[in-house]
Structures are given as C-alpha cells and as structure tokens.
C-alpha cells in the first residue's frame, strides 16, 4: 500500500543540465496530520526492528521500547556521526518508498535491522529495486540508486549533493554483485524464500541478461538546495549514459528527521 505521506511529494519542475540531461525536482511539503505522521514513523521504525521482535530484543537490556530504540537501535540524535547517519538512513528510506510506490519496483528492505553499529551506514549500494515476472526474461529490470543527503541548514559546503551522488553511483556498477549477495543472504535469514528467489534471478546477468538502470538522488533542506548547481551536474564519466537524476528538497529537513525518529520511539 502506498504510504499517504508520498502525496506530500510534489513534482516541482524538470531542470535541464548544460549537458542536456533532465533532473526531476520534487518538493516535500510537510503537513500537520498526526495520523499520517504516525504512519510514517512506524514505517521508519519497522526498517530497524519488526514489531514482532522488539520486545524480545529489549528484554535483555531491561529497557522500555522507547529506551531501546533511542539507545540501541536508532542512530544517535546528538553525537557525531549519529545525526548524519540518521539523515542518510531516513533519506534512503524516503527514496526507497518513492522507487517502490511511484516507480513501481519491488524494493527489498534489508539495510538497517541488523546493524552492528547504529552510528554507521550500511556498506554497498544504497538501494535496489527490480521488476520481473514468474519466468526469467531479458525484459526483467533492476534499478540501482545512489542517495546523498544534506539535511542541515548550516552546511553550505555540501550543496552539490547530486553531483556527489552521480560520482558515487559509478561505484554501484562495481559493487552490485556484493549488494545482491548481502540482500539475498539477509532474505534467507528471514526465511523470505520467495523474495530471495527473485533477487537470485539478478545475480548472474551473463547467463540470464536483464536491464540495468542506474539512478542518482539528492535529498536536501531548502537552504542547502541550489538550482544553479543542478544545471552544472555532469554525467559524462558515468558508465550509464541514461543515468536517472532526481532531487527532493524540504523545509527544515533535519528538524523533521529528528521529529520522525522521536515519534517512532513513542507511537504505537
């Protein structure tokens, strides 16, 4: 089911770069709707800890649910690098929801619930999505997204995030096999054999070809968003000439991210 908060994601414009590439720009226009915000917070929480697991996991620590999430599971709100990891995780999940519910890919959600260090980012491609039928076909498709965030209003040195996403997306071409292996193993650990089998279909593109699509996204606060920099984004050195480019910007994004993590600790 499409999360209701995605209705707050408004396509604003398309910007053409100096190289003639199109950048789709969205504004995330937040609203004061308690039901939707609670639903969003639960969606975030379930990426880190399933409802069926949280009481088992917290028991050994002697912590309440909210304490366990704040102190053990979620990236730290104050001590670096916790806030930047929060920003990265939150924006990756936002883009994952976009890829699944707007672009209509199946998106495995395996990156956050088994972190060894809550204040570190999971290695590998930021997110993958795929489209496939019951039978293997050359028309099957996988999209690989690189996501970069600047949620703060006070870090102008990080304004050129889309270019950074483009540059790092080149690494996805090389690390896709490792990412697929990690996703596959995590699905096996969950006993989600059906989805694991679908992911396995994409592990051997030599014998079973399929379409690969690469994409770069930047998610930024309004104050760090700079339209003029989007026009200078270059994809000439990327291995995929059809690289997809999107930007999402939002007012007071870091404040909102902290609010959603706080709500995720409290809402039922």
Protein backbone atom coordinates (compact mmCIF):
# COMPACT_ATOMS: atom_id res chain seq x y z
CA UNK A 1 0.00 0.00 0.00
CA UNK A 2 1.32 3.43 -0.96
CA UNK A 3 2.25 5.48 2.12
CA UNK A 4 -0.01 8.52 2.40
CA UNK A 5 2.94 10.81 3.06
CA UNK A 6 4.09 10.30 -0.53
CA UNK A 7 1.15 12.51 -1.52
CA UNK A 8 3.19 15.32 0.06
CA UNK A 9 5.91 14.73 -2.53
CA UNK A 10 5.11 17.26 -5.26
CA UNK A 11 6.85 17.27 -8.63
CA UNK A 12 8.02 20.86 -8.95
CA UNK A 13 9.91 21.08 -12.22
CA UNK A 14 12.36 19.46 -14.60
CA UNK A 15 15.75 21.14 -14.91
CA UNK A 16 17.96 20.57 -17.94
CA UNK A 17 21.69 20.41 -17.27
CA UNK A 18 24.30 22.00 -19.51
CA UNK A 19 24.84 18.51 -20.96
CA UNK A 20 21.14 18.18 -21.80
CA UNK A 21 20.27 15.71 -19.02
CA UNK A 22 16.96 16.12 -17.16
CA UNK A 23 16.80 16.42 -13.39
CA UNK A 24 13.35 15.84 -11.86
CA UNK A 25 12.88 18.10 -8.83
CA UNK A 26 10.36 17.35 -6.08
CA UNK A 27 9.42 19.38 -3.05
CA UNK A 28 8.34 17.52 0.07
CA UNK A 29 5.61 19.72 1.52
CA UNK A 30 5.04 18.64 5.09
CA UNK A 31 1.65 18.85 6.77
CA UNK A 32 0.44 18.63 10.34
CA UNK A 33 -1.51 15.38 10.05
CA UNK A 34 -0.99 13.24 13.14
CA UNK A 35 -2.29 10.02 11.59
CA UNK A 36 -0.03 10.25 8.54
CA UNK A 37 2.99 11.28 10.62
CA UNK A 38 2.44 8.33 12.98
CA UNK A 39 2.19 6.00 9.99
CA UNK A 40 5.41 7.43 8.57
CA UNK A 41 7.17 6.97 11.92
CA UNK A 42 6.03 3.34 12.17
CA UNK A 43 7.29 2.70 8.64
CA UNK A 44 10.69 4.10 9.66
CA UNK A 45 10.79 2.04 12.88
CA UNK A 46 9.97 -1.21 11.11
CA UNK A 47 13.03 -0.83 8.90
CA UNK A 48 15.14 -1.13 12.07
CA UNK A 49 13.04 -3.51 14.15
CA UNK A 50 9.95 -5.57 13.37
CA UNK A 51 7.05 -5.24 15.78
CA UNK A 52 7.28 -8.97 16.46
CA UNK A 53 10.94 -8.66 17.54
CA UNK A 54 11.21 -5.51 19.61
CA UNK A 55 10.09 -6.96 22.95
CA UNK A 56 12.46 -9.92 22.57
CA UNK A 57 15.38 -7.66 21.70
CA UNK A 58 14.85 -5.17 24.52
CA UNK A 59 14.30 -7.74 27.27
CA UNK A 60 17.95 -8.47 27.98
CA UNK A 61 18.74 -4.78 28.42
CA UNK A 62 15.88 -4.18 30.84
CA UNK A 63 14.80 -1.22 28.71
CA UNK A 64 11.39 0.02 27.70
CA UNK A 65 10.59 0.09 23.99
CA UNK A 66 11.32 3.80 23.57
CA UNK A 67 14.58 3.50 25.53
CA UNK A 68 15.73 0.53 23.47
CA UNK A 69 15.05 2.34 20.20
CA UNK A 70 16.79 5.56 21.31
CA UNK A 71 19.79 3.95 22.99
CA UNK A 72 20.41 0.78 20.98
CA UNK A 73 18.67 0.79 17.59
CA UNK A 74 18.35 4.28 16.12
CA UNK A 75 21.36 6.42 15.14
CA UNK A 76 22.22 8.90 17.90
CA UNK A 77 20.47 12.26 17.69
CA UNK A 78 23.32 14.40 19.04
CA UNK A 79 26.77 12.78 18.97
CA UNK A 80 28.51 12.68 15.56
CA UNK A 81 28.36 10.79 13.30
CA UNK A 82 24.90 9.81 14.57
CA UNK A 83 22.97 12.76 13.11
CA UNK A 84 24.49 12.33 9.64
CA UNK A 85 23.73 8.60 9.74
CA UNK A 86 20.13 9.44 10.71
CA UNK A 87 19.94 11.79 7.75
CA UNK A 88 21.36 9.17 5.41
CA UNK A 89 19.12 6.34 6.62
CA UNK A 90 15.98 8.49 6.59
CA UNK A 91 16.54 9.80 3.08
CA UNK A 92 17.40 6.36 1.71
CA UNK A 93 14.11 5.03 3.11
CA UNK A 94 12.27 8.01 1.63
CA UNK A 95 13.75 7.30 -1.80
CA UNK A 96 13.06 3.56 -1.39
CA UNK A 97 9.38 4.35 -0.83
CA UNK A 98 9.47 6.57 -3.92
CA UNK A 99 11.07 3.81 -6.01
CA UNK A 100 8.57 1.21 -4.82
CA UNK A 101 5.33 3.18 -4.84
CA UNK A 102 5.92 5.81 -7.53
CA UNK A 103 8.25 3.99 -9.92
CA UNK A 104 6.64 0.60 -9.18
CA UNK A 105 9.71 -1.51 -8.44
CA UNK A 106 9.92 -4.20 -5.77
CA UNK A 107 12.37 -2.88 -3.18
CA UNK A 108 13.93 -5.27 -0.62
CA UNK A 109 14.22 -3.62 2.82
CA UNK A 110 17.30 -5.23 4.38
CA UNK A 111 19.79 -2.46 5.20
CA UNK A 112 19.02 -1.29 8.72
CA UNK A 113 17.74 -4.00 11.05
CA UNK A 114 20.99 -5.89 11.63
CA UNK A 115 23.50 -3.06 12.03
CA UNK A 116 26.41 -3.85 14.34
CA UNK A 117 26.99 -0.13 14.94
CA UNK A 118 23.89 2.02 14.92
CA UNK A 119 26.01 5.10 14.13
CA UNK A 120 27.43 3.71 10.91
CA UNK A 121 25.98 3.45 7.43
CA UNK A 122 25.47 0.05 5.82
CA UNK A 123 28.01 -0.69 3.12
CA UNK A 124 27.02 -1.35 -0.50
CA UNK A 125 24.60 0.26 -2.92
CA UNK A 126 22.05 2.47 -1.15
CA UNK A 127 19.04 0.68 -2.58
CA UNK A 128 17.98 -1.63 -5.36
CA UNK A 129 14.61 -2.30 -6.92
CA UNK A 130 13.53 -4.81 -9.51
CA UNK A 131 10.74 -5.76 -11.88
CA UNK A 132 10.30 -9.34 -13.04
CA UNK A 133 7.65 -11.86 -13.94
CA UNK A 134 7.27 -15.50 -12.97
CA UNK A 135 9.56 -16.56 -15.82
CA UNK A 136 13.03 -15.17 -16.42
CA UNK A 137 13.04 -12.64 -19.24
CA UNK A 138 15.50 -10.23 -20.82
CA UNK A 139 12.85 -7.58 -20.08
CA UNK A 140 13.38 -8.01 -16.32
CA UNK A 141 14.85 -4.85 -14.86
CA UNK A 142 16.90 -3.75 -11.87
CA UNK A 143 17.36 -0.15 -10.74
CA UNK A 144 20.29 0.82 -8.52
CA UNK A 145 20.04 4.11 -6.63
CA UNK A 146 22.78 6.17 -5.04
CA UNK A 147 21.33 8.63 -2.49
CA UNK A 148 23.09 11.63 -0.94
CA UNK A 149 21.63 13.92 1.69
CA UNK A 150 22.22 17.36 3.11
CA UNK A 151 19.51 17.77 5.70
CA UNK A 152 21.15 20.55 7.70
CA UNK A 153 20.51 24.25 7.04
CA UNK A 154 24.01 25.22 8.16
CA UNK A 155 26.39 23.28 5.90
CA UNK A 156 26.64 25.10 2.57
CA UNK A 157 29.78 23.13 1.63
CA UNK A 158 27.51 20.13 0.95
CA UNK A 159 25.18 21.79 -1.53
CA UNK A 160 26.41 19.91 -4.62
CA UNK A 161 24.94 16.62 -3.45
CA UNK A 162 23.53 15.45 -6.76
CA UNK A 163 26.98 15.59 -8.36
CA UNK A 164 28.35 13.58 -5.44
CA UNK A 165 25.56 11.04 -5.92
CA UNK A 166 26.40 10.79 -9.63
CA UNK A 167 30.09 10.28 -8.90
CA UNK A 168 29.47 7.61 -6.27
CA UNK A 169 26.87 5.89 -8.46
CA UNK A 170 29.75 4.75 -10.64
CA UNK A 171 30.85 2.56 -7.71
CA UNK A 172 27.46 0.82 -7.83
CA UNK A 173 28.40 -0.66 -11.19
CA UNK A 174 31.27 -2.48 -9.45
CA UNK A 175 29.64 -3.34 -6.11
CA UNK A 176 26.26 -4.53 -7.34
CA UNK A 177 27.22 -8.21 -7.01
CA UNK A 178 28.21 -7.70 -3.35
CA UNK A 179 25.00 -5.79 -2.68
CA UNK A 180 22.86 -8.54 -4.23
CA UNK A 181 24.70 -11.14 -2.17
CA UNK A 182 24.06 -9.21 1.05
CA UNK A 183 20.37 -8.71 0.23
CA UNK A 184 19.96 -12.38 -0.74
CA UNK A 185 21.61 -13.64 2.45
CA UNK A 186 19.50 -11.36 4.65
CA UNK A 187 16.30 -12.57 2.96
CA UNK A 188 17.38 -16.18 3.56
CA UNK A 189 18.00 -15.33 7.23
CA UNK A 190 14.42 -14.02 7.41
CA UNK A 191 13.14 -17.16 5.70
CA UNK A 192 11.69 -14.96 2.96
CA UNK A 193 12.46 -17.54 0.32
CA UNK A 194 10.10 -16.17 -2.32
CA UNK A 195 11.74 -12.75 -2.45
CA UNK A 196 15.19 -14.30 -2.12
CA UNK A 197 14.49 -16.36 -5.22
CA UNK A 198 13.51 -13.23 -7.14
CA UNK A 199 16.70 -11.46 -6.06
CA UNK A 200 18.72 -14.54 -7.03
CA UNK A 201 17.43 -14.15 -10.58
CA UNK A 202 19.53 -10.95 -10.89
CA UNK A 203 22.82 -12.40 -9.63
CA UNK A 204 24.00 -13.84 -12.95
CA UNK A 205 23.48 -11.31 -15.72
CA UNK A 206 25.93 -13.09 -18.02
CA UNK A 207 23.81 -16.22 -18.37
CA UNK A 208 20.46 -14.51 -17.74
CA UNK A 209 20.62 -10.95 -19.10
CA UNK A 210 18.33 -8.21 -17.84
CA UNK A 211 18.10 -4.42 -18.00
CA UNK A 212 20.17 -2.43 -15.51
CA UNK A 213 19.15 1.13 -14.71
CA UNK A 214 21.27 3.42 -12.57
CA UNK A 215 19.99 6.48 -10.74
CA UNK A 216 21.30 9.24 -8.50
CA UNK A 217 19.25 11.18 -5.97
CA UNK A 218 19.93 14.13 -3.70
CA UNK A 219 17.68 14.90 -0.73
CA UNK A 220 18.28 18.34 0.72
CA UNK A 221 16.98 21.01 3.03
CA UNK A 222 15.61 24.06 1.26
CA UNK A 223 18.58 26.12 2.43
CA UNK A 224 21.12 23.67 1.02
CA UNK A 225 19.23 23.22 -2.26
CA UNK A 226 20.73 25.22 -5.12
CA UNK A 227 19.05 25.08 -8.51
CA UNK A 228 22.02 26.69 -10.26
CA UNK A 229 24.27 23.79 -9.19
CA UNK A 230 21.89 21.26 -10.74
CA UNK A 231 22.48 22.75 -14.16
CA UNK A 232 26.22 22.04 -13.85
CA UNK A 233 25.84 18.36 -12.91
CA UNK A 234 27.93 16.22 -15.23
CA UNK A 235 27.30 12.56 -16.07
CA UNK A 236 29.93 12.30 -18.82
CA UNK A 237 32.13 9.96 -16.80
CA UNK A 238 29.34 7.69 -15.64
CA UNK A 239 29.20 4.21 -17.15
CA UNK A 240 25.44 4.51 -17.76
CA UNK A 241 24.65 7.26 -20.32
CA UNK A 242 20.95 7.06 -19.33
CA UNK A 243 21.53 7.71 -15.63
CA UNK A 244 18.33 8.93 -13.93
CA UNK A 245 18.57 12.07 -11.80
CA UNK A 246 16.18 13.26 -9.08
CA UNK A 247 16.27 15.84 -6.30
CA UNK A 248 13.95 16.17 -3.31
CA UNK A 249 14.04 19.27 -1.12
CA UNK A 250 12.19 20.08 2.06
CA UNK A 251 11.97 22.92 4.57
CA UNK A 252 13.87 22.36 7.85
CA UNK A 253 14.59 18.78 6.87
CA UNK A 254 16.93 17.84 9.73
CA UNK A 255 14.48 19.10 12.34
CA UNK A 256 11.79 16.99 10.73
CA UNK A 257 14.03 13.89 10.62
CA UNK A 258 14.63 14.19 14.37
CA UNK A 259 10.89 14.61 14.92
CA UNK A 260 10.08 11.43 12.98
CA UNK A 261 12.70 9.39 14.86
CA UNK A 262 11.29 10.73 18.13
CA UNK A 263 7.76 9.89 17.04
CA UNK A 264 8.93 6.40 16.01
CA UNK A 265 10.01 5.80 19.62
CA UNK A 266 6.65 6.87 21.05
CA UNK A 267 3.85 5.98 18.61
CA UNK A 268 2.03 2.65 18.83
